[in-house]
Amino acid sequence: MHNRSIDTNSRLLKTVLQQKKTSHFRVKALMYAKRIALVALFAAPVWAASPQVAQRAYEQGLRAESAGNYSGARDAFKKALTEAQEAGLGQEFISAATYNLARMTGYTCDFPLARELLLEALKLEQALPAPSRANVTKRLSELARLSYDQGAFSESISYYDLVVPQIEELGVLRLDPNGFAIFLDDYAQALARSGDERRADVARRKAADIRFTNVGSPVRFIPTYYRDVCARK
């Protein structure tokens, strides 16, 4: 009876010691995991995946574009897009960053990549719960100009056919009539280069009528042509 009691006590002691040992290892593992997490936190650059950094890079891109520094603007918009994607910013911002990156990519003469990015920007904008019609027309207009400068006249016309009635519905004849006349000139050129002289003449006469009825009205938007920017390089 006495020996049994000793054996029982011995087993209980071993169990308690084993539990303490296991608990000790768990505490050490937890402390190690916390240290690893802290190292990872402080090792990460303070600017990584930050909405504020994305916004600053976007604004830097706008300033660079305004100064005619298209390669600098391209790099800034690329950073803004990367930061926005990693930080989980809204699709509106990602659409805008993609659109501006596309234009700057075209202005630095990588037309195929610019086209790819413009199509992505258009897709992103159209997928929004409430797409901006103005933003959709901007993307279509750039695709029309870029396609023309690539010599893809039929493709260019397909975009002009979509965008011309849309910008008229948005009130361009009231907001920027002579800017719209320039746009129609470009449309007419694409039609003529594709061999559709009849429709080209219609677009030319429409542009002339707009200019006649809006003499003295300042042009609010003058497009930048990819071919012109690249010709200066």
C-alpha atoms as a PDB file:
ATOM      1  CA  MET A   1       0.000   0.000   0.000  1.00  0.00           C
ATOM      2  CA  HIS A   2       2.783   2.380   0.953  1.00  0.00           C
ATOM      3  CA  ASN A   3       4.786   1.500  -2.174  1.00  0.00           C
ATOM      4  CA  ARG A   4       1.753   2.114  -4.343  1.00  0.00           C
ATOM      5  CA  SER A   5       1.381   5.589  -2.794  1.00  0.00           C
ATOM      6  CA  ILE A   6       5.035   6.350  -3.553  1.00  0.00           C
ATOM      7  CA  ASP A   7       4.616   5.195  -7.152  1.00  0.00           C
ATOM      8  CA  THR A   8       1.507   7.323  -7.555  1.00  0.00           C
ATOM      9  CA  ASN A   9       3.227  10.382  -6.126  1.00  0.00           C
ATOM     10  CA  SER A  10       6.217   9.781  -8.375  1.00  0.00           C
ATOM     11  CA  ARG A  11       4.018   9.618 -11.457  1.00  0.00           C
ATOM     12  CA  LEU A  12       2.196  12.795 -10.406  1.00  0.00           C
ATOM     13  CA  LEU A  13       5.537  14.577  -9.921  1.00  0.00           C
ATOM     14  CA  LYS A  14       6.757  13.481 -13.345  1.00  0.00           C
ATOM     15  CA  THR A  15       3.489  14.709 -14.917  1.00  0.00           C
ATOM     16  CA  VAL A  16       3.755  18.093 -13.229  1.00  0.00           C
ATOM     17  CA  LEU A  17       7.388  18.471 -14.265  1.00  0.00           C
ATOM     18  CA  GLN A  18       6.558  17.503 -17.860  1.00  0.00           C
ATOM     19  CA  GLN A  19       3.707  20.053 -17.936  1.00  0.00           C
ATOM     20  CA  LYS A  20       6.020  22.756 -16.617  1.00  0.00           C
ATOM     21  CA  LYS A  21       8.634  21.852 -19.221  1.00  0.00           C
ATOM     22  CA  THR A  22       6.057  21.956 -22.030  1.00  0.00           C
ATOM     23  CA  SER A  23       4.694  25.273 -20.762  1.00  0.00           C
ATOM     24  CA  HIS A  24       8.239  26.660 -20.635  1.00  0.00           C
ATOM     25  CA  PHE A  25       8.867  25.715 -24.276  1.00  0.00           C
ATOM     26  CA  ARG A  26       5.528  27.249 -25.329  1.00  0.00           C
ATOM     27  CA  VAL A  27       6.418  30.533 -23.640  1.00  0.00           C
ATOM     28  CA  LYS A  28       9.841  30.561 -25.321  1.00  0.00           C
ATOM     29  CA  ALA A  29       8.259  29.823 -28.728  1.00  0.00           C
ATOM     30  CA  LEU A  30       5.735  32.620 -28.267  1.00  0.00           C
ATOM     31  CA  MET A  31       8.456  35.078 -27.277  1.00  0.00           C
ATOM     32  CA  TYR A  32      10.535  34.034 -30.310  1.00  0.00           C
ATOM     33  CA  ALA A  33       7.566  34.499 -32.634  1.00  0.00           C
ATOM     34  CA  LYS A  34       6.964  37.987 -31.238  1.00  0.00           C
ATOM     35  CA  ARG A  35      10.610  38.909 -31.791  1.00  0.00           C
ATOM     36  CA  ILE A  36      10.416  37.677 -35.402  1.00  0.00           C
ATOM     37  CA  ALA A  37       7.279  39.780 -35.969  1.00  0.00           C
ATOM     38  CA  LEU A  38       8.964  42.885 -34.545  1.00  0.00           C
ATOM     39  CA  VAL A  39      12.041  42.354 -36.707  1.00  0.00           C
ATOM     40  CA  ALA A  40       9.844  42.041 -39.798  1.00  0.00           C
ATOM     41  CA  LEU A  41       7.939  45.180 -38.825  1.00  0.00           C
ATOM     42  CA  PHE A  42      11.002  47.335 -38.328  1.00  0.00           C
ATOM     43  CA  ALA A  43      12.853  45.832 -41.272  1.00  0.00           C
ATOM     44  CA  ALA A  44      10.094  46.918 -43.694  1.00  0.00           C
ATOM     45  CA  PRO A  45      10.657  50.355 -45.247  1.00  0.00           C
ATOM     46  CA  VAL A  46       8.407  53.022 -43.789  1.00  0.00           C
ATOM     47  CA  TRP A  47       7.139  53.929 -47.259  1.00  0.00           C
ATOM     48  CA  ALA A  48       5.994  50.439 -48.272  1.00  0.00           C
ATOM     49  CA  ALA A  49       2.391  49.979 -49.420  1.00  0.00           C
ATOM     50  CA  SER A  50       1.252  53.348 -48.137  1.00  0.00           C
ATOM     51  CA  PRO A  51      -1.812  55.214 -49.469  1.00  0.00           C
ATOM     52  CA  GLN A  52      -0.064  58.477 -48.652  1.00  0.00           C
ATOM     53  CA  VAL A  53       2.986  57.474 -50.677  1.00  0.00           C
ATOM     54  CA  ALA A  54       0.742  56.461 -53.591  1.00  0.00           C
ATOM     55  CA  GLN A  55      -0.957  59.857 -53.513  1.00  0.00           C
ATOM     56  CA  ARG A  56       2.347  61.733 -53.310  1.00  0.00           C
ATOM     57  CA  ALA A  57       3.762  59.738 -56.225  1.00  0.00           C
ATOM     58  CA  TYR A  58       0.623  60.478 -58.245  1.00  0.00           C
ATOM     59  CA  GLU A  59       0.939  64.202 -57.595  1.00  0.00           C
ATOM     60  CA  GLN A  60       4.634  64.029 -58.476  1.00  0.00           C
ATOM     61  CA  GLY A  61       3.639  62.441 -61.781  1.00  0.00           C
ATOM     62  CA  LEU A  62       1.222  65.269 -62.554  1.00  0.00           C
ATOM     63  CA  ARG A  63       3.900  67.862 -61.831  1.00  0.00           C
ATOM     64  CA  ALA A  64       6.450  66.058 -63.987  1.00  0.00           C
ATOM     65  CA  GLU A  65       3.986  65.826 -66.869  1.00  0.00           C
ATOM     66  CA  SER A  66       3.202  69.528 -66.578  1.00  0.00           C
ATOM     67  CA  ALA A  67       6.945  70.244 -66.817  1.00  0.00           C
ATOM     68  CA  GLY A  68       7.266  68.056 -69.915  1.00  0.00           C
ATOM     69  CA  ASN A  69       9.288  65.421 -68.050  1.00  0.00           C
ATOM     70  CA  TYR A  70       7.421  62.421 -69.434  1.00  0.00           C
ATOM     71  CA  SER A  71       9.902  59.767 -68.346  1.00  0.00           C
ATOM     72  CA  GLY A  72       9.854  61.153 -64.797  1.00  0.00           C
ATOM     73  CA  ALA A  73       6.065  61.255 -64.890  1.00  0.00           C
ATOM     74  CA  ARG A  74       5.945  57.672 -66.147  1.00  0.00           C
ATOM     75  CA  ASP A  75       8.123  56.460 -63.275  1.00  0.00           C
ATOM     76  CA  ALA A  76       6.071  58.393 -60.719  1.00  0.00           C
ATOM     77  CA  PHE A  77       2.754  57.055 -61.988  1.00  0.00           C
ATOM     78  CA  LYS A  78       4.179  53.541 -62.039  1.00  0.00           C
ATOM     79  CA  LYS A  79       5.163  53.912 -58.385  1.00  0.00           C
ATOM     80  CA  ALA A  80       1.744  55.355 -57.558  1.00  0.00           C
ATOM     81  CA  LEU A  81       0.050  52.380 -59.211  1.00  0.00           C
ATOM     82  CA  THR A  82       2.264  49.811 -57.457  1.00  0.00           C
ATOM     83  CA  GLU A  83       1.763  51.443 -54.064  1.00  0.00           C
ATOM     84  CA  ALA A  84      -1.989  51.729 -54.614  1.00  0.00           C
ATOM     85  CA  GLN A  85      -2.308  48.059 -55.530  1.00  0.00           C
ATOM     86  CA  GLU A  86      -0.255  46.908 -52.545  1.00  0.00           C
ATOM     87  CA  ALA A  87      -2.052  49.232 -50.122  1.00  0.00           C
ATOM     88  CA  GLY A  88      -5.478  48.148 -51.385  1.00  0.00           C
ATOM     89  CA  LEU A  89      -6.595  51.572 -52.513  1.00  0.00           C
ATOM     90  CA  GLY A  90      -9.895  51.934 -54.342  1.00  0.00           C
ATOM     91  CA  GLN A  91     -10.312  50.996 -57.986  1.00  0.00           C
ATOM     92  CA  GLU A  92     -11.002  54.631 -58.890  1.00  0.00           C
ATOM     93  CA  PHE A  93      -7.445  55.570 -57.932  1.00  0.00           C
ATOM     94  CA  ILE A  94      -5.988  52.495 -59.625  1.00  0.00           C
ATOM     95  CA  SER A  95      -7.933  53.303 -62.810  1.00  0.00           C
ATOM     96  CA  ALA A  96      -6.618  56.885 -62.807  1.00  0.00           C
ATOM     97  CA  ALA A  97      -3.027  55.811 -62.117  1.00  0.00           C
ATOM     98  CA  THR A  98      -3.188  53.193 -64.873  1.00  0.00           C
ATOM     99  CA  TYR A  99      -4.590  55.751 -67.341  1.00  0.00           C
ATOM    100  CA  ASN A 100      -1.864  58.289 -66.630  1.00  0.00           C
ATOM    101  CA  LEU A 101       0.853  55.637 -66.673  1.00  0.00           C
ATOM    102  CA  ALA A 102      -0.468  54.545 -70.079  1.00  0.00           C
ATOM    103  CA  ARG A 103      -0.258  58.064 -71.520  1.00  0.00           C
ATOM    104  CA  MET A 104       3.263  58.640 -70.209  1.00  0.00           C
ATOM    105  CA  THR A 105       4.325  55.227 -71.529  1.00  0.00           C
ATOM    106  CA  GLY A 106       3.053  56.324 -74.939  1.00  0.00           C
ATOM    107  CA  TYR A 107       4.798  59.692 -74.679  1.00  0.00           C
ATOM    108  CA  THR A 108       8.037  57.800 -74.031  1.00  0.00           C
ATOM    109  CA  CYS A 109       7.316  55.863 -77.243  1.00  0.00           C
ATOM    110  CA  ASP A 110       6.411  52.388 -76.005  1.00  0.00           C
ATOM    111  CA  PHE A 111       3.189  52.264 -78.021  1.00  0.00           C
ATOM    112  CA  PRO A 112       2.336  48.557 -77.538  1.00  0.00           C
ATOM    113  CA  LEU A 113       2.586  48.783 -73.742  1.00  0.00           C
ATOM    114  CA  ALA A 114       0.718  52.094 -73.750  1.00  0.00           C
ATOM    115  CA  ARG A 115      -2.146  50.483 -75.670  1.00  0.00           C
ATOM    116  CA  GLU A 116      -2.240  47.565 -73.234  1.00  0.00           C
ATOM    117  CA  LEU A 117      -2.384  49.930 -70.257  1.00  0.00           C
ATOM    118  CA  LEU A 118      -5.066  52.128 -71.835  1.00  0.00           C
ATOM    119  CA  LEU A 119      -7.245  49.083 -72.441  1.00  0.00           C
ATOM    120  CA  GLU A 120      -6.715  48.054 -68.814  1.00  0.00           C
ATOM    121  CA  ALA A 121      -7.606  51.567 -67.613  1.00  0.00           C
ATOM    122  CA  LEU A 122     -10.784  51.474 -69.716  1.00  0.00           C
ATOM    123  CA  LYS A 123     -11.703  48.060 -68.330  1.00  0.00           C
ATOM    124  CA  LEU A 124     -11.102  49.222 -64.749  1.00  0.00           C
ATOM    125  CA  GLU A 125     -13.228  52.344 -65.222  1.00  0.00           C
ATOM    126  CA  GLN A 126     -16.101  50.468 -66.844  1.00  0.00           C
ATOM    127  CA  ALA A 127     -16.054  47.883 -64.029  1.00  0.00           C
ATOM    128  CA  LEU A 128     -16.667  50.496 -61.322  1.00  0.00           C
ATOM    129  CA  PRO A 129     -20.099  50.505 -59.650  1.00  0.00           C
ATOM    130  CA  ALA A 130     -20.679  53.994 -61.065  1.00  0.00           C
ATOM    131  CA  PRO A 131     -18.238  54.580 -63.956  1.00  0.00           C
ATOM    132  CA  SER A 132     -17.435  58.183 -64.811  1.00  0.00           C
ATOM    133  CA  ARG A 133     -18.596  58.845 -68.374  1.00  0.00           C
ATOM    134  CA  ALA A 134     -16.012  61.605 -68.667  1.00  0.00           C
ATOM    135  CA  ASN A 135     -13.238  59.194 -67.675  1.00  0.00           C
ATOM    136  CA  VAL A 136     -14.482  56.557 -70.101  1.00  0.00           C
ATOM    137  CA  THR A 137     -14.370  59.084 -72.954  1.00  0.00           C
ATOM    138  CA  LYS A 138     -10.833  60.122 -71.980  1.00  0.00           C
ATOM    139  CA  ARG A 139      -9.656  56.542 -72.308  1.00  0.00           C
ATOM    140  CA  LEU A 140     -11.457  56.022 -75.612  1.00  0.00           C
ATOM    141  CA  SER A 141     -10.034  59.287 -76.973  1.00  0.00           C
ATOM    142  CA  GLU A 142      -6.477  58.299 -76.083  1.00  0.00           C
ATOM    143  CA  LEU A 143      -6.978  54.887 -77.667  1.00  0.00           C
ATOM    144  CA  ALA A 144      -8.226  56.613 -80.837  1.00  0.00           C
ATOM    145  CA  ARG A 145      -5.150  58.887 -80.977  1.00  0.00           C
ATOM    146  CA  LEU A 146      -2.696  56.123 -80.111  1.00  0.00           C
ATOM    147  CA  SER A 147      -4.175  53.745 -82.701  1.00  0.00           C
ATOM    148  CA  TYR A 148      -3.859  56.461 -85.353  1.00  0.00           C
ATOM    149  CA  ASP A 149      -0.213  57.049 -84.458  1.00  0.00           C
ATOM    150  CA  GLN A 150       0.427  53.306 -84.733  1.00  0.00           C
ATOM    151  CA  GLY A 151      -1.044  53.344 -88.232  1.00  0.00           C
ATOM    152  CA  ALA A 152      -4.052  51.291 -87.130  1.00  0.00           C
ATOM    153  CA  PHE A 153      -6.591  53.592 -88.813  1.00  0.00           C
ATOM    154  CA  SER A 154      -9.574  51.216 -88.765  1.00  0.00           C
ATOM    155  CA  GLU A 155      -9.063  50.593 -85.051  1.00  0.00           C
ATOM    156  CA  SER A 156      -8.717  54.330 -84.483  1.00  0.00           C
ATOM    157  CA  ILE A 157     -12.039  54.946 -86.254  1.00  0.00           C
ATOM    158  CA  SER A 158     -13.766  52.320 -84.099  1.00  0.00           C
ATOM    159  CA  TYR A 159     -12.813  54.326 -80.994  1.00  0.00           C
ATOM    160  CA  TYR A 160     -13.755  57.668 -82.577  1.00  0.00           C
ATOM    161  CA  ASP A 161     -17.141  56.205 -83.564  1.00  0.00           C
ATOM    162  CA  LEU A 162     -17.760  55.337 -79.913  1.00  0.00           C
ATOM    163  CA  VAL A 163     -16.465  58.499 -78.291  1.00  0.00           C
ATOM    164  CA  VAL A 164     -17.718  61.298 -80.582  1.00  0.00           C
ATOM    165  CA  PRO A 165     -21.432  60.918 -79.688  1.00  0.00           C
ATOM    166  CA  GLN A 166     -20.558  60.398 -76.022  1.00  0.00           C
ATOM    167  CA  ILE A 167     -18.619  63.638 -75.641  1.00  0.00           C
ATOM    168  CA  GLU A 168     -21.385  65.482 -77.481  1.00  0.00           C
ATOM    169  CA  GLU A 169     -23.858  64.120 -74.921  1.00  0.00           C
ATOM    170  CA  LEU A 170     -21.556  65.351 -72.152  1.00  0.00           C
ATOM    171  CA  GLY A 171     -21.915  68.910 -73.469  1.00  0.00           C
ATOM    172  CA  VAL A 172     -18.636  69.477 -75.286  1.00  0.00           C
ATOM    173  CA  LEU A 173     -20.271  71.947 -77.708  1.00  0.00           C
ATOM    174  CA  ARG A 174     -21.035  74.163 -74.735  1.00  0.00           C
ATOM    175  CA  LEU A 175     -17.870  73.519 -72.721  1.00  0.00           C
ATOM    176  CA  ASP A 176     -15.171  73.460 -75.418  1.00  0.00           C
ATOM    177  CA  PRO A 177     -16.574  73.808 -78.947  1.00  0.00           C
ATOM    178  CA  ASN A 178     -13.308  74.649 -80.675  1.00  0.00           C
ATOM    179  CA  GLY A 179     -11.516  71.887 -78.814  1.00  0.00           C
ATOM    180  CA  PHE A 180     -14.177  69.546 -80.183  1.00  0.00           C
ATOM    181  CA  ALA A 181     -13.515  70.905 -83.679  1.00  0.00           C
ATOM    182  CA  ILE A 182      -9.866  69.815 -83.300  1.00  0.00           C
ATOM    183  CA  PHE A 183     -11.092  66.401 -82.227  1.00  0.00           C
ATOM    184  CA  LEU A 184     -13.269  66.176 -85.336  1.00  0.00           C
ATOM    185  CA  ASP A 185     -10.273  67.161 -87.490  1.00  0.00           C
ATOM    186  CA  ASP A 186      -8.423  64.147 -86.082  1.00  0.00           C
ATOM    187  CA  TYR A 187     -11.448  61.931 -86.688  1.00  0.00           C
ATOM    188  CA  ALA A 188     -11.589  63.142 -90.304  1.00  0.00           C
ATOM    189  CA  GLN A 189      -7.894  62.353 -90.787  1.00  0.00           C
ATOM    190  CA  ALA A 190      -8.372  58.797 -89.528  1.00  0.00           C
ATOM    191  CA  LEU A 191     -11.343  58.328 -91.850  1.00  0.00           C
ATOM    192  CA  ALA A 192      -9.416  59.698 -94.818  1.00  0.00           C
ATOM    193  CA  ARG A 193      -6.381  57.508 -94.116  1.00  0.00           C
ATOM    194  CA  SER A 194      -8.646  54.459 -94.010  1.00  0.00           C
ATOM    195  CA  GLY A 195     -10.129  55.425 -97.395  1.00  0.00           C
ATOM    196  CA  ASP A 196     -13.546  56.573 -96.153  1.00  0.00           C
ATOM    197  CA  GLU A 197     -13.478  60.006 -97.794  1.00  0.00           C
ATOM    198  CA  ARG A 198     -17.252  60.494 -97.631  1.00  0.00           C
ATOM    199  CA  ARG A 199     -17.393  60.280 -93.838  1.00  0.00           C
ATOM    200  CA  ALA A 200     -14.159  62.238 -93.577  1.00  0.00           C
ATOM    201  CA  ASP A 201     -15.789  65.100 -95.460  1.00  0.00           C
ATOM    202  CA  VAL A 202     -18.804  65.013 -93.127  1.00  0.00           C
ATOM    203  CA  ALA A 203     -16.494  65.313 -90.099  1.00  0.00           C
ATOM    204  CA  ARG A 204     -14.540  68.169 -91.717  1.00  0.00           C
ATOM    205  CA  ARG A 205     -17.687  70.153 -92.515  1.00  0.00           C
ATOM    206  CA  LYS A 206     -18.999  69.641 -88.990  1.00  0.00           C
ATOM    207  CA  ALA A 207     -15.710  70.965 -87.565  1.00  0.00           C
ATOM    208  CA  ALA A 208     -15.856  73.981 -89.890  1.00  0.00           C
ATOM    209  CA  ASP A 209     -19.441  74.771 -88.864  1.00  0.00           C
ATOM    210  CA  ILE A 210     -18.498  74.614 -85.179  1.00  0.00           C
ATOM    211  CA  ARG A 211     -15.597  77.030 -85.718  1.00  0.00           C
ATOM    212  CA  PHE A 212     -17.808  79.412 -87.682  1.00  0.00           C
ATOM    213  CA  THR A 213     -20.388  79.614 -84.903  1.00  0.00           C
ATOM    214  CA  ASN A 214     -17.812  79.821 -82.106  1.00  0.00           C
ATOM    215  CA  VAL A 215     -15.325  82.383 -83.399  1.00  0.00           C
ATOM    216  CA  GLY A 216     -13.181  83.714 -80.563  1.00  0.00           C
ATOM    217  CA  SER A 217     -14.064  80.919 -78.135  1.00  0.00           C
ATOM    218  CA  PRO A 218     -10.813  79.733 -76.498  1.00  0.00           C
ATOM    219  CA  VAL A 219      -9.735  76.118 -76.841  1.00  0.00           C
ATOM    220  CA  ARG A 220      -9.816  74.517 -73.412  1.00  0.00           C
ATOM    221  CA  PHE A 221      -8.204  71.219 -74.352  1.00  0.00           C
ATOM    222  CA  ILE A 222      -5.358  70.799 -76.832  1.00  0.00           C
ATOM    223  CA  PRO A 223      -4.370  67.141 -77.215  1.00  0.00           C
ATOM    224  CA  THR A 224      -0.824  65.886 -76.976  1.00  0.00           C
ATOM    225  CA  TYR A 225      -0.060  63.570 -79.883  1.00  0.00           C
ATOM    226  CA  TYR A 226       2.130  60.563 -79.297  1.00  0.00           C
ATOM    227  CA  ARG A 227       3.705  60.907 -82.743  1.00  0.00           C
ATOM    228  CA  ASP A 228       4.731  64.505 -82.067  1.00  0.00           C
ATOM    229  CA  VAL A 229       6.328  63.787 -78.705  1.00  0.00           C
ATOM    230  CA  CYS A 230       8.274  60.835 -80.076  1.00  0.00           C
ATOM    231  CA  ALA A 231       9.350  62.753 -83.198  1.00  0.00           C
ATOM    232  CA  ARG A 232      11.181  65.233 -80.939  1.00  0.00           C
ATOM    233  CA  LYS A 233      13.289  62.517 -79.335  1.00  0.00           C
END
